[in-house]
Amino acid sequence: MADPNAALATMIRNLEEKSGKSLEAWVTLAKKQKLAKHGEIMKWLKTEHGLGHGYANLVALESLKGGSVTAAVSGSDDAALLEAQYAGAKAALRPVYDRVASAIAKFGPDVAFAPKKANVSVRRAKQFALLQPSTATRFDVGIQLKGVAPSGRLEASGSFSAMVSHRVRVESAKDIDAELIGWLKQAYEAAK
C-alpha cells in the first residue's frame, strides 16, 4: 500500500511533468523573490505561475525549510514522526493508517500529509481530515464535514479534536470501507 511519503514522491514527479520545472528549479525561483513568509510564496506561485495549492505549498515548504520536504521522502523528519506513532502497542494499527492514507492520496495531487507527534493532518487548501492511532486498539479518522449531521458511525468529533467536525472509530483495516472513503472524499472536495 502507498504511504504518504510515496504520495509525496509522486507529487514531486508530477510537479515537473505538469509545470516543466523540477522542484529544485521552483525552489530556486522562489528564493530569488526573497519572500519570507509561506503564504507570500504560495500567493506568488499561484498568481504569477498558476501553480495549484498543493504544488505551491510543496515549493513554499521546501523554499523555507531547505530540504525538509524532500528529506521526508528520503526517510527522515516526517517519516520518523509517523514511525513513532506506530511504535510499541500501536504497531498493529499501522495497516489501518496505510490503507486510509493510500485511499486519500488517490483523491488528487494536492493532498498533503503532515505528520505530528500524535496524529497526521491531511490537507488540501485547508485541513479536511485527521488520522490518529488513539489507543492500542482504536484508530480515529477525523473528518471536516460542516453542515452534515452526525449519524451512525459518523459521530460528532466531541473532545477528539476541534480541528474536525466528525469522527469515525476504526478497529481494523476492513473498517476502511466505501462509506468512510466517501465521507473523506466529500471533505476533500469541500476543502478547495
N, C-alpha and C. Protein backbone atom coordinates (compact mmCIF):
# COMPACT_ATOMS: atom_id res chain seq x y z
N MET A 1 0.84 -1.18 0.00
CA MET A 1 0.00 0.00 0.00
C MET A 1 0.88 1.25 0.00
N ALA A 2 0.39 2.27 -0.66
CA ALA A 2 1.13 3.53 -0.72
C ALA A 2 1.10 4.21 0.64
N ASP A 3 2.13 4.93 0.94
CA ASP A 3 2.15 5.69 2.17
C ASP A 3 2.30 7.17 1.81
N PRO A 4 2.20 8.08 2.78
CA PRO A 4 2.30 9.50 2.48
C PRO A 4 3.62 9.87 1.80
N ASN A 5 4.71 9.20 2.17
CA ASN A 5 5.98 9.51 1.54
C ASN A 5 5.98 9.13 0.07
N ALA A 6 5.32 8.02 -0.26
CA ALA A 6 5.20 7.63 -1.66
C ALA A 6 4.33 8.65 -2.41
N ALA A 7 3.27 9.10 -1.76
CA ALA A 7 2.41 10.11 -2.38
C ALA A 7 3.18 11.41 -2.61
N LEU A 8 4.03 11.78 -1.65
CA LEU A 8 4.85 12.98 -1.80
C LEU A 8 5.84 12.83 -2.94
N ALA A 9 6.46 11.67 -3.05
CA ALA A 9 7.39 11.42 -4.14
C ALA A 9 6.68 11.54 -5.49
N THR A 10 5.46 11.01 -5.56
CA THR A 10 4.67 11.12 -6.79
C THR A 10 4.35 12.58 -7.08
N MET A 11 4.00 13.33 -6.05
CA MET A 11 3.68 14.75 -6.23
C MET A 11 4.88 15.51 -6.77
N ILE A 12 6.06 15.20 -6.26
CA ILE A 12 7.28 15.88 -6.73
C ILE A 12 7.51 15.56 -8.21
N ARG A 13 7.32 14.30 -8.59
CA ARG A 13 7.46 13.93 -10.01
C ARG A 13 6.40 14.63 -10.87
N ASN A 14 5.16 14.65 -10.38
CA ASN A 14 4.07 15.28 -11.14
C ASN A 14 4.27 16.78 -11.31
N LEU A 15 4.87 17.42 -10.32
CA LEU A 15 5.15 18.85 -10.42
C LEU A 15 5.97 19.14 -11.66
N GLU A 16 7.02 18.36 -11.86
CA GLU A 16 7.87 18.58 -13.04
C GLU A 16 7.13 18.26 -14.33
N GLU A 17 6.38 17.18 -14.34
CA GLU A 17 5.63 16.81 -15.55
C GLU A 17 4.60 17.87 -15.92
N LYS A 18 3.91 18.40 -14.94
CA LYS A 18 2.82 19.35 -15.21
C LYS A 18 3.31 20.77 -15.44
N SER A 19 4.42 21.15 -14.80
CA SER A 19 4.87 22.54 -14.88
C SER A 19 6.09 22.73 -15.77
N GLY A 20 6.79 21.64 -16.09
CA GLY A 20 8.01 21.75 -16.88
C GLY A 20 9.23 22.14 -16.08
N LYS A 21 9.07 22.28 -14.76
CA LYS A 21 10.21 22.63 -13.90
C LYS A 21 10.27 21.63 -12.75
N SER A 22 11.48 21.30 -12.34
CA SER A 22 11.66 20.41 -11.19
C SER A 22 11.38 21.19 -9.90
N LEU A 23 11.23 20.43 -8.81
CA LEU A 23 11.05 21.07 -7.51
C LEU A 23 12.23 21.99 -7.21
N GLU A 24 13.44 21.52 -7.51
CA GLU A 24 14.64 22.32 -7.25
C GLU A 24 14.60 23.63 -8.04
N ALA A 25 14.13 23.57 -9.30
CA ALA A 25 14.04 24.79 -10.11
C ALA A 25 13.02 25.76 -9.53
N TRP A 26 11.89 25.23 -9.07
CA TRP A 26 10.88 26.10 -8.45
C TRP A 26 11.41 26.74 -7.17
N VAL A 27 12.14 25.96 -6.38
CA VAL A 27 12.71 26.48 -5.13
C VAL A 27 13.69 27.61 -5.44
N THR A 28 14.53 27.42 -6.45
CA THR A 28 15.49 28.46 -6.84
C THR A 28 14.75 29.74 -7.23
N LEU A 29 13.69 29.61 -8.04
CA LEU A 29 12.89 30.78 -8.43
C LEU A 29 12.26 31.45 -7.21
N ALA A 30 11.70 30.65 -6.32
CA ALA A 30 11.04 31.21 -5.14
C ALA A 30 12.03 31.94 -4.24
N LYS A 31 13.20 31.37 -4.05
CA LYS A 31 14.20 32.01 -3.20
C LYS A 31 14.67 33.35 -3.78
N LYS A 32 14.70 33.47 -5.11
CA LYS A 32 15.10 34.73 -5.74
C LYS A 32 14.11 35.85 -5.43
N GLN A 33 12.88 35.50 -5.10
CA GLN A 33 11.87 36.51 -4.77
C GLN A 33 12.11 37.13 -3.40
N LYS A 34 12.88 36.45 -2.57
CA LYS A 34 13.21 36.91 -1.22
C LYS A 34 11.96 37.16 -0.37
N LEU A 35 10.97 36.29 -0.53
CA LEU A 35 9.77 36.35 0.28
C LEU A 35 10.02 35.53 1.54
N ALA A 36 9.64 36.06 2.69
CA ALA A 36 9.98 35.42 3.95
C ALA A 36 8.86 34.56 4.53
N LYS A 37 7.64 34.71 4.04
CA LYS A 37 6.52 34.00 4.63
C LYS A 37 5.94 32.96 3.67
N HIS A 38 5.53 31.85 4.25
CA HIS A 38 4.95 30.75 3.50
C HIS A 38 3.79 31.23 2.61
N GLY A 39 2.86 31.98 3.20
CA GLY A 39 1.70 32.47 2.45
C GLY A 39 2.07 33.38 1.30
N GLU A 40 3.09 34.20 1.48
CA GLU A 40 3.54 35.09 0.41
C GLU A 40 4.10 34.28 -0.77
N ILE A 41 4.88 33.27 -0.45
CA ILE A 41 5.45 32.42 -1.51
C ILE A 41 4.33 31.70 -2.25
N MET A 42 3.39 31.15 -1.50
CA MET A 42 2.27 30.44 -2.13
C MET A 42 1.47 31.37 -3.03
N LYS A 43 1.17 32.57 -2.55
CA LYS A 43 0.40 33.51 -3.35
C LYS A 43 1.14 33.84 -4.64
N TRP A 44 2.43 34.10 -4.55
CA TRP A 44 3.24 34.42 -5.73
C TRP A 44 3.22 33.25 -6.72
N LEU A 45 3.40 32.04 -6.23
CA LEU A 45 3.40 30.87 -7.12
C LEU A 45 2.05 30.65 -7.78
N LYS A 46 0.98 30.88 -7.05
CA LYS A 46 -0.36 30.68 -7.59
C LYS A 46 -0.72 31.77 -8.60
N THR A 47 -0.48 33.03 -8.24
CA THR A 47 -0.90 34.12 -9.12
C THR A 47 0.04 34.34 -10.29
N GLU A 48 1.33 34.27 -10.06
CA GLU A 48 2.30 34.55 -11.13
C GLU A 48 2.60 33.33 -12.01
N HIS A 49 2.43 32.14 -11.46
CA HIS A 49 2.82 30.94 -12.21
C HIS A 49 1.70 29.93 -12.37
N GLY A 50 0.55 30.18 -11.75
CA GLY A 50 -0.59 29.30 -11.93
C GLY A 50 -0.47 27.94 -11.27
N LEU A 51 0.41 27.81 -10.29
CA LEU A 51 0.52 26.52 -9.60
C LEU A 51 -0.71 26.31 -8.72
N GLY A 52 -1.14 25.06 -8.62
CA GLY A 52 -2.22 24.72 -7.71
C GLY A 52 -1.77 24.80 -6.27
N HIS A 53 -2.72 24.75 -5.36
CA HIS A 53 -2.42 24.92 -3.94
C HIS A 53 -1.39 23.90 -3.45
N GLY A 54 -1.59 22.63 -3.77
CA GLY A 54 -0.69 21.59 -3.28
C GLY A 54 0.74 21.79 -3.75
N TYR A 55 0.90 22.11 -5.04
CA TYR A 55 2.25 22.32 -5.58
C TYR A 55 2.88 23.58 -4.99
N ALA A 56 2.08 24.64 -4.86
CA ALA A 56 2.60 25.88 -4.27
C ALA A 56 3.03 25.64 -2.82
N ASN A 57 2.24 24.87 -2.08
CA ASN A 57 2.58 24.53 -0.70
C ASN A 57 3.89 23.76 -0.64
N LEU A 58 4.04 22.79 -1.51
CA LEU A 58 5.26 21.98 -1.56
C LEU A 58 6.48 22.86 -1.81
N VAL A 59 6.40 23.73 -2.80
CA VAL A 59 7.53 24.60 -3.13
C VAL A 59 7.82 25.57 -1.99
N ALA A 60 6.77 26.14 -1.39
CA ALA A 60 6.96 27.08 -0.29
C ALA A 60 7.63 26.40 0.90
N LEU A 61 7.17 25.21 1.25
CA LEU A 61 7.79 24.48 2.35
C LEU A 61 9.25 24.20 2.07
N GLU A 62 9.53 23.73 0.88
CA GLU A 62 10.91 23.40 0.53
C GLU A 62 11.79 24.66 0.50
N SER A 63 11.23 25.76 0.06
CA SER A 63 11.99 27.02 -0.02
C SER A 63 12.37 27.54 1.36
N LEU A 64 11.44 27.45 2.29
CA LEU A 64 11.67 28.00 3.62
C LEU A 64 12.43 27.06 4.55
N LYS A 65 12.28 25.76 4.35
CA LYS A 65 12.87 24.82 5.28
C LYS A 65 14.09 24.13 4.73
N GLY A 66 14.49 24.48 3.55
CA GLY A 66 15.74 23.99 2.99
C GLY A 66 15.92 22.49 2.97
N GLY A 67 15.00 21.78 2.33
CA GLY A 67 15.19 20.36 2.13
C GLY A 67 14.39 19.45 3.04
N SER A 68 13.59 20.01 3.96
CA SER A 68 12.88 19.13 4.87
C SER A 68 11.80 18.32 4.18
N VAL A 69 11.20 18.86 3.12
CA VAL A 69 10.17 18.12 2.41
C VAL A 69 10.78 16.92 1.70
N THR A 70 11.85 17.15 0.97
CA THR A 70 12.49 16.03 0.28
C THR A 70 13.15 15.09 1.27
N ALA A 71 13.52 15.58 2.43
CA ALA A 71 14.07 14.69 3.46
C ALA A 71 13.00 13.70 3.90
N ALA A 72 11.74 14.15 3.94
CA ALA A 72 10.66 13.23 4.32
C ALA A 72 10.55 12.10 3.32
N VAL A 73 10.74 12.40 2.06
CA VAL A 73 10.68 11.37 1.03
C VAL A 73 11.83 10.39 1.20
N SER A 74 12.98 10.88 1.61
CA SER A 74 14.14 10.00 1.76
C SER A 74 14.16 9.28 3.10
N GLY A 75 13.16 9.53 3.95
CA GLY A 75 13.04 8.72 5.14
C GLY A 75 13.36 9.38 6.47
N SER A 76 13.40 10.69 6.56
CA SER A 76 13.65 11.32 7.86
C SER A 76 12.53 12.28 8.19
N ASP A 77 12.66 13.01 9.24
CA ASP A 77 11.71 14.02 9.71
C ASP A 77 10.28 13.47 9.82
N ASP A 78 9.41 13.76 8.84
CA ASP A 78 8.02 13.33 8.90
C ASP A 78 7.90 11.82 9.01
N ALA A 79 8.72 11.09 8.31
CA ALA A 79 8.68 9.63 8.37
C ALA A 79 8.99 9.15 9.79
N ALA A 80 9.91 9.82 10.46
CA ALA A 80 10.26 9.44 11.84
C ALA A 80 9.08 9.70 12.78
N LEU A 81 8.37 10.81 12.57
CA LEU A 81 7.19 11.09 13.39
C LEU A 81 6.13 10.00 13.18
N LEU A 82 5.94 9.62 11.94
CA LEU A 82 4.95 8.59 11.62
C LEU A 82 5.34 7.25 12.24
N GLU A 83 6.60 6.89 12.12
CA GLU A 83 7.06 5.63 12.71
C GLU A 83 6.86 5.62 14.22
N ALA A 84 7.10 6.75 14.86
CA ALA A 84 6.95 6.84 16.32
C ALA A 84 5.49 6.65 16.73
N GLN A 85 4.56 7.11 15.91
CA GLN A 85 3.13 6.94 16.22
C GLN A 85 2.75 5.47 16.31
N TYR A 86 3.42 4.63 15.51
CA TYR A 86 3.05 3.22 15.43
C TYR A 86 4.08 2.30 16.07
N ALA A 87 4.83 2.84 16.98
CA ALA A 87 5.79 2.04 17.73
C ALA A 87 5.07 1.37 18.90
N GLY A 88 5.59 0.29 19.36
CA GLY A 88 5.07 -0.36 20.56
C GLY A 88 3.66 -0.88 20.41
N ALA A 89 2.81 -0.56 21.38
CA ALA A 89 1.46 -1.12 21.47
C ALA A 89 0.57 -0.74 20.29
N LYS A 90 0.87 0.35 19.60
CA LYS A 90 0.03 0.79 18.48
C LYS A 90 0.49 0.25 17.12
N ALA A 91 1.50 -0.60 17.11
CA ALA A 91 2.06 -1.13 15.86
C ALA A 91 1.01 -1.85 15.02
N ALA A 92 0.07 -2.52 15.65
CA ALA A 92 -0.95 -3.26 14.92
C ALA A 92 -1.89 -2.35 14.12
N LEU A 93 -1.90 -1.06 14.43
CA LEU A 93 -2.77 -0.11 13.72
C LEU A 93 -2.12 0.46 12.46
N ARG A 94 -0.85 0.19 12.22
CA ARG A 94 -0.17 0.74 11.04
C ARG A 94 -0.86 0.33 9.73
N PRO A 95 -1.32 -0.93 9.57
CA PRO A 95 -2.03 -1.27 8.32
C PRO A 95 -3.31 -0.45 8.11
N VAL A 96 -3.95 -0.06 9.21
CA VAL A 96 -5.13 0.79 9.11
C VAL A 96 -4.73 2.14 8.54
N TYR A 97 -3.68 2.74 9.11
CA TYR A 97 -3.20 4.02 8.60
C TYR A 97 -2.80 3.90 7.13
N ASP A 98 -2.03 2.87 6.80
CA ASP A 98 -1.56 2.71 5.42
C ASP A 98 -2.73 2.63 4.44
N ARG A 99 -3.76 1.90 4.83
CA ARG A 99 -4.91 1.73 3.93
C ARG A 99 -5.67 3.03 3.72
N VAL A 100 -5.94 3.76 4.80
CA VAL A 100 -6.69 5.01 4.65
C VAL A 100 -5.84 6.08 3.96
N ALA A 101 -4.55 6.15 4.28
CA ALA A 101 -3.67 7.13 3.63
C ALA A 101 -3.55 6.86 2.14
N SER A 102 -3.48 5.59 1.76
CA SER A 102 -3.41 5.22 0.36
C SER A 102 -4.66 5.65 -0.39
N ALA A 103 -5.82 5.43 0.22
CA ALA A 103 -7.08 5.84 -0.41
C ALA A 103 -7.17 7.35 -0.56
N ILE A 104 -6.77 8.08 0.47
CA ILE A 104 -6.83 9.55 0.43
C ILE A 104 -5.85 10.10 -0.61
N ALA A 105 -4.67 9.53 -0.71
CA ALA A 105 -3.66 10.01 -1.66
C ALA A 105 -4.17 9.96 -3.09
N LYS A 106 -5.10 9.07 -3.38
CA LYS A 106 -5.66 8.93 -4.73
C LYS A 106 -6.66 10.04 -5.08
N PHE A 107 -7.06 10.86 -4.09
CA PHE A 107 -8.02 11.92 -4.36
C PHE A 107 -7.46 12.96 -5.33
N GLY A 108 -6.17 13.22 -5.26
CA GLY A 108 -5.56 14.21 -6.15
C GLY A 108 -4.15 14.56 -5.74
N PRO A 109 -3.42 15.23 -6.63
CA PRO A 109 -2.02 15.57 -6.34
C PRO A 109 -1.86 16.67 -5.30
N ASP A 110 -2.95 17.30 -4.92
CA ASP A 110 -2.88 18.39 -3.96
C ASP A 110 -3.12 17.94 -2.52
N VAL A 111 -3.22 16.64 -2.28
CA VAL A 111 -3.35 16.12 -0.93
C VAL A 111 -1.99 16.21 -0.25
N ALA A 112 -1.97 16.77 0.95
CA ALA A 112 -0.72 16.88 1.71
C ALA A 112 -0.90 16.23 3.08
N PHE A 113 0.01 15.33 3.43
CA PHE A 113 0.02 14.68 4.74
C PHE A 113 1.06 15.37 5.61
N ALA A 114 0.65 15.77 6.82
CA ALA A 114 1.56 16.46 7.73
C ALA A 114 1.59 15.73 9.06
N PRO A 115 2.52 14.79 9.22
CA PRO A 115 2.62 14.07 10.49
C PRO A 115 3.01 15.00 11.64
N LYS A 116 2.37 14.78 12.77
CA LYS A 116 2.68 15.47 14.02
C LYS A 116 3.08 14.38 15.02
N LYS A 117 3.25 14.75 16.27
CA LYS A 117 3.66 13.76 17.27
C LYS A 117 2.59 12.68 17.47
N ALA A 118 1.32 13.07 17.53
CA ALA A 118 0.26 12.11 17.86
C ALA A 118 -0.67 11.76 16.70
N ASN A 119 -0.62 12.52 15.60
CA ASN A 119 -1.55 12.29 14.50
C ASN A 119 -0.98 12.80 13.19
N VAL A 120 -1.78 12.64 12.13
CA VAL A 120 -1.39 13.16 10.82
C VAL A 120 -2.53 14.05 10.32
N SER A 121 -2.21 15.30 10.06
CA SER A 121 -3.16 16.23 9.49
C SER A 121 -3.15 16.03 7.97
N VAL A 122 -4.34 15.99 7.37
CA VAL A 122 -4.45 15.82 5.93
C VAL A 122 -5.10 17.07 5.36
N ARG A 123 -4.41 17.69 4.40
CA ARG A 123 -4.85 18.99 3.88
C ARG A 123 -5.00 19.00 2.37
N ARG A 124 -5.76 19.93 1.91
CA ARG A 124 -5.82 20.34 0.51
C ARG A 124 -5.54 21.83 0.60
N ALA A 125 -6.49 22.69 0.31
CA ALA A 125 -6.30 24.12 0.58
C ALA A 125 -6.40 24.36 2.09
N LYS A 126 -7.14 23.49 2.77
CA LYS A 126 -7.24 23.54 4.22
C LYS A 126 -7.39 22.10 4.73
N GLN A 127 -7.24 21.93 6.03
CA GLN A 127 -7.32 20.58 6.60
C GLN A 127 -8.71 20.02 6.39
N PHE A 128 -8.77 18.76 5.95
CA PHE A 128 -10.06 18.10 5.81
C PHE A 128 -10.14 16.78 6.57
N ALA A 129 -9.00 16.29 7.08
CA ALA A 129 -9.03 15.04 7.84
C ALA A 129 -7.89 15.02 8.86
N LEU A 130 -8.05 14.15 9.84
CA LEU A 130 -7.05 13.95 10.88
C LEU A 130 -7.00 12.45 11.15
N LEU A 131 -5.82 11.86 11.05
CA LEU A 131 -5.65 10.41 11.22
C LEU A 131 -4.86 10.16 12.49
N GLN A 132 -5.43 9.36 13.39
CA GLN A 132 -4.79 9.22 14.70
C GLN A 132 -4.97 7.83 15.30
N PRO A 133 -3.85 7.18 15.69
CA PRO A 133 -3.96 5.96 16.48
C PRO A 133 -4.23 6.36 17.93
N SER A 134 -5.48 6.33 18.34
CA SER A 134 -5.87 6.88 19.64
C SER A 134 -5.55 5.97 20.81
N THR A 135 -5.74 4.67 20.61
CA THR A 135 -5.40 3.69 21.64
C THR A 135 -4.68 2.54 20.95
N ALA A 136 -4.32 1.53 21.70
CA ALA A 136 -3.65 0.37 21.10
C ALA A 136 -4.59 -0.42 20.19
N THR A 137 -5.91 -0.22 20.34
CA THR A 137 -6.87 -0.98 19.55
C THR A 137 -7.82 -0.13 18.72
N ARG A 138 -7.68 1.19 18.79
CA ARG A 138 -8.61 2.04 18.04
C ARG A 138 -7.89 3.15 17.29
N PHE A 139 -8.25 3.29 16.03
CA PHE A 139 -7.74 4.34 15.15
C PHE A 139 -8.91 5.28 14.88
N ASP A 140 -8.69 6.58 15.03
CA ASP A 140 -9.75 7.56 14.77
C ASP A 140 -9.47 8.31 13.49
N VAL A 141 -10.51 8.45 12.68
CA VAL A 141 -10.44 9.25 11.46
C VAL A 141 -11.32 10.47 11.70
N GLY A 142 -10.68 11.63 11.84
CA GLY A 142 -11.42 12.87 11.98
C GLY A 142 -11.71 13.43 10.60
N ILE A 143 -12.91 13.94 10.40
CA ILE A 143 -13.32 14.42 9.08
C ILE A 143 -14.00 15.77 9.25
N GLN A 144 -13.65 16.72 8.40
CA GLN A 144 -14.26 18.05 8.43
C GLN A 144 -15.44 18.05 7.45
N LEU A 145 -16.65 17.92 7.99
CA LEU A 145 -17.87 17.89 7.18
C LEU A 145 -18.89 18.87 7.76
N LYS A 146 -18.64 20.14 7.59
CA LYS A 146 -19.56 21.15 8.13
C LYS A 146 -20.94 20.99 7.48
N GLY A 147 -21.97 21.11 8.31
CA GLY A 147 -23.33 21.04 7.83
C GLY A 147 -23.87 19.63 7.66
N VAL A 148 -23.09 18.62 7.99
CA VAL A 148 -23.54 17.23 7.91
C VAL A 148 -23.87 16.75 9.32
N ALA A 149 -25.08 16.25 9.50
CA ALA A 149 -25.49 15.77 10.82
C ALA A 149 -24.81 14.45 11.15
N PRO A 150 -24.32 14.30 12.38
CA PRO A 150 -23.75 13.02 12.78
C PRO A 150 -24.82 11.92 12.68
N SER A 151 -24.40 10.74 12.24
CA SER A 151 -25.34 9.64 12.11
C SER A 151 -24.58 8.32 12.09
N GLY A 152 -25.04 7.36 12.89
CA GLY A 152 -24.39 6.05 12.93
C GLY A 152 -22.94 6.17 13.36
N ARG A 153 -22.05 5.57 12.58
CA ARG A 153 -20.63 5.62 12.96
C ARG A 153 -19.97 6.95 12.64
N LEU A 154 -20.62 7.82 11.88
CA LEU A 154 -20.14 9.19 11.64
C LEU A 154 -20.64 10.04 12.80
N GLU A 155 -19.84 10.09 13.86
CA GLU A 155 -20.25 10.78 15.07
C GLU A 155 -19.65 12.18 15.15
N ALA A 156 -20.22 13.01 16.00
CA ALA A 156 -19.65 14.34 16.24
C ALA A 156 -18.25 14.14 16.83
N SER A 157 -17.33 15.04 16.50
CA SER A 157 -15.95 14.86 16.96
C SER A 157 -15.81 14.96 18.47
N GLY A 158 -16.68 15.71 19.11
CA GLY A 158 -16.63 15.84 20.56
C GLY A 158 -15.27 16.31 21.03
N SER A 159 -14.72 15.62 22.01
CA SER A 159 -13.42 16.02 22.56
C SER A 159 -12.24 15.48 21.74
N PHE A 160 -12.51 14.72 20.69
CA PHE A 160 -11.44 14.16 19.86
C PHE A 160 -10.56 15.27 19.30
N SER A 161 -11.15 16.24 18.60
CA SER A 161 -10.37 17.34 18.03
C SER A 161 -11.29 18.47 17.60
N ALA A 162 -10.90 19.69 17.92
CA ALA A 162 -11.64 20.86 17.47
C ALA A 162 -11.34 21.18 16.00
N MET A 163 -10.35 20.48 15.41
CA MET A 163 -9.94 20.74 14.03
C MET A 163 -10.82 20.04 13.00
N VAL A 164 -11.70 19.15 13.46
CA VAL A 164 -12.61 18.43 12.57
C VAL A 164 -14.00 18.41 13.19
N SER A 165 -15.02 18.20 12.37
CA SER A 165 -16.39 18.20 12.87
C SER A 165 -16.89 16.81 13.26
N HIS A 166 -16.32 15.77 12.66
CA HIS A 166 -16.79 14.41 12.87
C HIS A 166 -15.63 13.45 13.14
N ARG A 167 -16.00 12.28 13.66
CA ARG A 167 -15.01 11.22 13.89
C ARG A 167 -15.64 9.88 13.54
N VAL A 168 -14.82 9.01 12.96
CA VAL A 168 -15.21 7.62 12.73
C VAL A 168 -14.18 6.76 13.47
N ARG A 169 -14.66 5.89 14.33
CA ARG A 169 -13.78 4.99 15.08
C ARG A 169 -13.53 3.74 14.23
N VAL A 170 -12.27 3.37 14.10
CA VAL A 170 -11.88 2.24 13.26
C VAL A 170 -11.08 1.26 14.11
N GLU A 171 -11.42 -0.01 13.98
CA GLU A 171 -10.71 -1.03 14.75
C GLU A 171 -9.79 -1.89 13.90
N SER A 172 -10.05 -1.98 12.59
CA SER A 172 -9.18 -2.76 11.72
C SER A 172 -9.25 -2.21 10.29
N ALA A 173 -8.34 -2.66 9.45
CA ALA A 173 -8.28 -2.17 8.07
C ALA A 173 -9.58 -2.44 7.31
N LYS A 174 -10.32 -3.47 7.69
CA LYS A 174 -11.58 -3.77 6.99
C LYS A 174 -12.63 -2.68 7.22
N ASP A 175 -12.45 -1.88 8.27
CA ASP A 175 -13.37 -0.77 8.54
C ASP A 175 -13.15 0.42 7.61
N ILE A 176 -12.06 0.39 6.84
CA ILE A 176 -11.81 1.44 5.84
C ILE A 176 -12.58 1.01 4.59
N ASP A 177 -13.86 1.35 4.57
CA ASP A 177 -14.76 0.89 3.51
C ASP A 177 -15.21 2.05 2.62
N ALA A 178 -16.06 1.75 1.65
CA ALA A 178 -16.53 2.76 0.69
C ALA A 178 -17.25 3.91 1.38
N GLU A 179 -17.99 3.61 2.45
CA GLU A 179 -18.71 4.67 3.16
C GLU A 179 -17.73 5.67 3.77
N LEU A 180 -16.71 5.18 4.47
CA LEU A 180 -15.71 6.06 5.09
C LEU A 180 -14.94 6.84 4.02
N ILE A 181 -14.52 6.17 2.97
CA ILE A 181 -13.79 6.86 1.89
C ILE A 181 -14.69 7.91 1.24
N GLY A 182 -15.96 7.63 1.13
CA GLY A 182 -16.91 8.61 0.59
C GLY A 182 -16.98 9.88 1.43
N TRP A 183 -17.02 9.71 2.75
CA TRP A 183 -17.04 10.90 3.63
C TRP A 183 -15.74 11.69 3.49
N LEU A 184 -14.62 10.97 3.42
CA LEU A 184 -13.33 11.65 3.26
C LEU A 184 -13.27 12.38 1.93
N LYS A 185 -13.77 11.77 0.87
CA LYS A 185 -13.77 12.40 -0.46
C LYS A 185 -14.65 13.66 -0.44
N GLN A 186 -15.79 13.58 0.23
CA GLN A 186 -16.68 14.74 0.37
C GLN A 186 -15.96 15.87 1.09
N ALA A 187 -15.23 15.55 2.14
CA ALA A 187 -14.48 16.56 2.88
C ALA A 187 -13.35 17.15 2.01
N TYR A 188 -12.68 16.29 1.25
CA TYR A 188 -11.63 16.74 0.32
C TYR A 188 -12.20 17.73 -0.69
N GLU A 189 -13.33 17.39 -1.29
CA GLU A 189 -13.97 18.25 -2.29
C GLU A 189 -14.33 19.61 -1.70
N ALA A 190 -14.75 19.64 -0.45
CA ALA A 190 -15.15 20.89 0.20
C ALA A 190 -13.94 21.73 0.62
N ALA A 191 -12.76 21.15 0.64
CA ALA A 191 -11.56 21.85 1.12
C ALA A 191 -10.82 22.57 0.02
N LYS A 192 -11.50 23.00 -1.02
CA LYS A 192 -10.87 23.71 -2.15
C LYS A 192 -10.40 25.07 -1.75
